[in-house]
């Protein structure tokens, strides 16, 4: 059964969505197709945790409608991952892990600590001595 979306879009959602698409270069971050409605690639913005009021950068992915529909309700950011994340998803997962572990979650910090942050999403049994230097 699909997980339900929660929250409400903020009043400035159109500006947030536009900014997210612009930062992605008006391309899908998953398949790299440019926004081109005539060719069937309409760019959307996906709330990864399905909370419409959570507009942190790591929760908003510019996805073409095709990719959006493929991952909707399948990508569960809260779930530990046994395998490596897809390249497009790594920054979003790392941002989420930084946020949930009380670490800085701005894009600059996350990108400079990407591999270390991604270790937080792996099952703990694989990393029993995991430590993070702030």
Protein backbone atom coordinates (compact mmCIF):
# COMPACT_ATOMS: atom_id res chain seq x y z
CA UNK A 1 0.00 0.00 0.00
CA UNK A 2 1.41 3.42 -0.92
CA UNK A 3 2.50 5.76 1.84
CA UNK A 4 0.27 8.82 2.08
CA UNK A 5 1.58 12.31 1.46
CA UNK A 6 1.48 14.60 4.46
CA UNK A 7 1.62 18.33 5.11
CA UNK A 8 0.48 21.22 2.99
CA UNK A 9 2.32 23.09 0.28
CA UNK A 10 3.67 26.40 1.61
CA UNK A 11 2.16 29.61 0.23
CA UNK A 12 5.30 30.23 -1.83
CA UNK A 13 5.41 26.75 -3.38
CA UNK A 14 5.43 28.05 -6.99
CA UNK A 15 8.62 30.01 -6.25
CA UNK A 16 10.23 27.08 -4.43
CA UNK A 17 9.40 24.68 -7.27
CA UNK A 18 10.71 27.13 -9.87
CA UNK A 19 13.95 27.57 -7.91
CA UNK A 20 14.42 23.79 -7.55
CA UNK A 21 13.98 23.31 -11.30
CA UNK A 22 16.32 26.19 -12.09
CA UNK A 23 19.02 24.80 -9.76
CA UNK A 24 18.73 21.48 -11.63
CA UNK A 25 19.30 23.29 -14.94
CA UNK A 26 15.74 22.48 -15.99
CA UNK A 27 16.73 18.81 -16.31
CA UNK A 28 15.62 15.72 -14.46
CA UNK A 29 18.20 14.85 -11.81
CA UNK A 30 17.54 11.14 -12.36
CA UNK A 31 17.53 10.68 -16.16
CA UNK A 32 19.02 14.04 -17.21
CA UNK A 33 16.25 14.72 -19.76
CA UNK A 34 15.51 18.40 -20.28
CA UNK A 35 12.08 19.84 -19.57
CA UNK A 36 10.35 19.40 -22.92
CA UNK A 37 6.61 18.90 -22.75
CA UNK A 38 6.34 18.29 -26.50
CA UNK A 39 8.70 15.30 -26.13
CA UNK A 40 6.92 14.01 -23.03
CA UNK A 41 9.35 15.29 -20.38
CA UNK A 42 7.57 17.65 -18.04
CA UNK A 43 9.74 18.65 -15.09
CA UNK A 44 8.14 18.31 -11.66
CA UNK A 45 9.40 18.58 -8.08
CA UNK A 46 9.18 15.54 -5.83
CA UNK A 47 9.08 15.69 -2.03
CA UNK A 48 11.25 12.67 -1.23
CA UNK A 49 9.80 12.16 2.26
CA UNK A 50 6.27 12.81 0.89
CA UNK A 51 5.81 15.75 3.27
CA UNK A 52 4.68 18.70 1.14
CA UNK A 53 5.58 21.19 3.86
CA UNK A 54 9.21 19.98 4.06
CA UNK A 55 10.98 22.17 1.53
CA UNK A 56 14.56 21.51 2.58
CA UNK A 57 16.85 21.25 -0.47
CA UNK A 58 17.57 17.58 0.27
CA UNK A 59 13.86 16.77 0.16
CA UNK A 60 13.12 18.38 -3.22
CA UNK A 61 14.19 16.58 -6.38
CA UNK A 62 13.57 17.99 -9.85
CA UNK A 63 12.27 14.97 -11.73
CA UNK A 64 10.62 14.55 -15.10
CA UNK A 65 7.11 13.25 -14.73
CA UNK A 66 8.21 9.81 -15.96
CA UNK A 67 10.88 9.44 -13.25
CA UNK A 68 8.60 11.00 -10.65
CA UNK A 69 5.99 8.34 -11.28
CA UNK A 70 8.62 5.56 -11.26
CA UNK A 71 10.00 6.45 -7.83
CA UNK A 72 6.88 7.82 -6.13
CA UNK A 73 6.12 5.59 -3.14
CA UNK A 74 9.08 3.32 -3.99
CA UNK A 75 11.95 5.41 -2.66
CA UNK A 76 11.60 5.46 1.12
CA UNK A 77 14.29 7.72 2.49
CA UNK A 78 13.80 6.52 6.07
CA UNK A 79 14.66 2.91 5.15
CA UNK A 80 18.23 1.64 5.66
CA UNK A 81 19.81 0.66 2.37
CA UNK A 82 21.90 -2.47 1.98
CA UNK A 83 23.21 -1.41 -1.40
CA UNK A 84 24.76 1.79 -2.65
CA UNK A 85 22.37 4.59 -3.53
CA UNK A 86 21.98 5.62 -7.16
CA UNK A 87 24.29 8.53 -8.02
CA UNK A 88 21.41 10.99 -8.47
CA UNK A 89 20.00 10.12 -5.04
CA UNK A 90 23.18 10.30 -2.96
CA UNK A 91 23.07 14.05 -2.15
CA UNK A 92 19.42 13.84 -1.07
CA UNK A 93 20.02 10.80 1.15
CA UNK A 94 23.14 12.37 2.66
CA UNK A 95 21.22 15.58 3.39
CA UNK A 96 18.51 13.58 5.10
CA UNK A 97 21.06 11.64 7.18
CA UNK A 98 22.80 14.87 8.20
CA UNK A 99 19.46 16.36 9.23
CA UNK A 100 18.32 13.32 11.21
CA UNK A 101 21.67 13.07 13.01
CA UNK A 102 21.69 16.72 14.08
CA UNK A 103 24.52 17.68 11.75
CA UNK A 104 24.64 20.68 9.44
CA UNK A 105 22.49 19.85 6.43
CA UNK A 106 23.26 22.74 4.12
CA UNK A 107 24.29 21.62 0.66
CA UNK A 108 27.93 22.69 1.02
CA UNK A 109 28.47 20.63 4.19
CA UNK A 110 26.59 17.64 2.82
CA UNK A 111 28.49 17.56 -0.46
CA UNK A 112 31.84 17.86 1.30
CA UNK A 113 30.97 14.96 3.65
CA UNK A 114 28.91 12.90 1.21
CA UNK A 115 30.52 9.48 1.67
CA UNK A 116 30.72 9.77 5.43
CA UNK A 117 27.06 10.81 5.68
CA UNK A 118 25.90 8.01 3.38
CA UNK A 119 27.33 5.50 5.86
CA UNK A 120 24.54 6.51 8.26
CA UNK A 121 21.99 4.96 5.91
CA UNK A 122 23.59 1.55 5.85
CA UNK A 123 22.41 -1.11 8.28
CA UNK A 124 24.24 -0.54 11.56
CA UNK A 125 25.50 -4.11 11.69
CA UNK A 126 27.74 -3.33 8.73
CA UNK A 127 29.38 -0.41 10.59
CA UNK A 128 29.41 -1.19 14.34
CA UNK A 129 32.21 1.32 15.05
CA UNK A 130 30.85 4.19 12.96
CA UNK A 131 31.85 7.55 14.33
CA UNK A 132 31.41 11.01 12.85
CA UNK A 133 33.74 13.91 13.51
CA UNK A 134 31.86 17.21 13.52
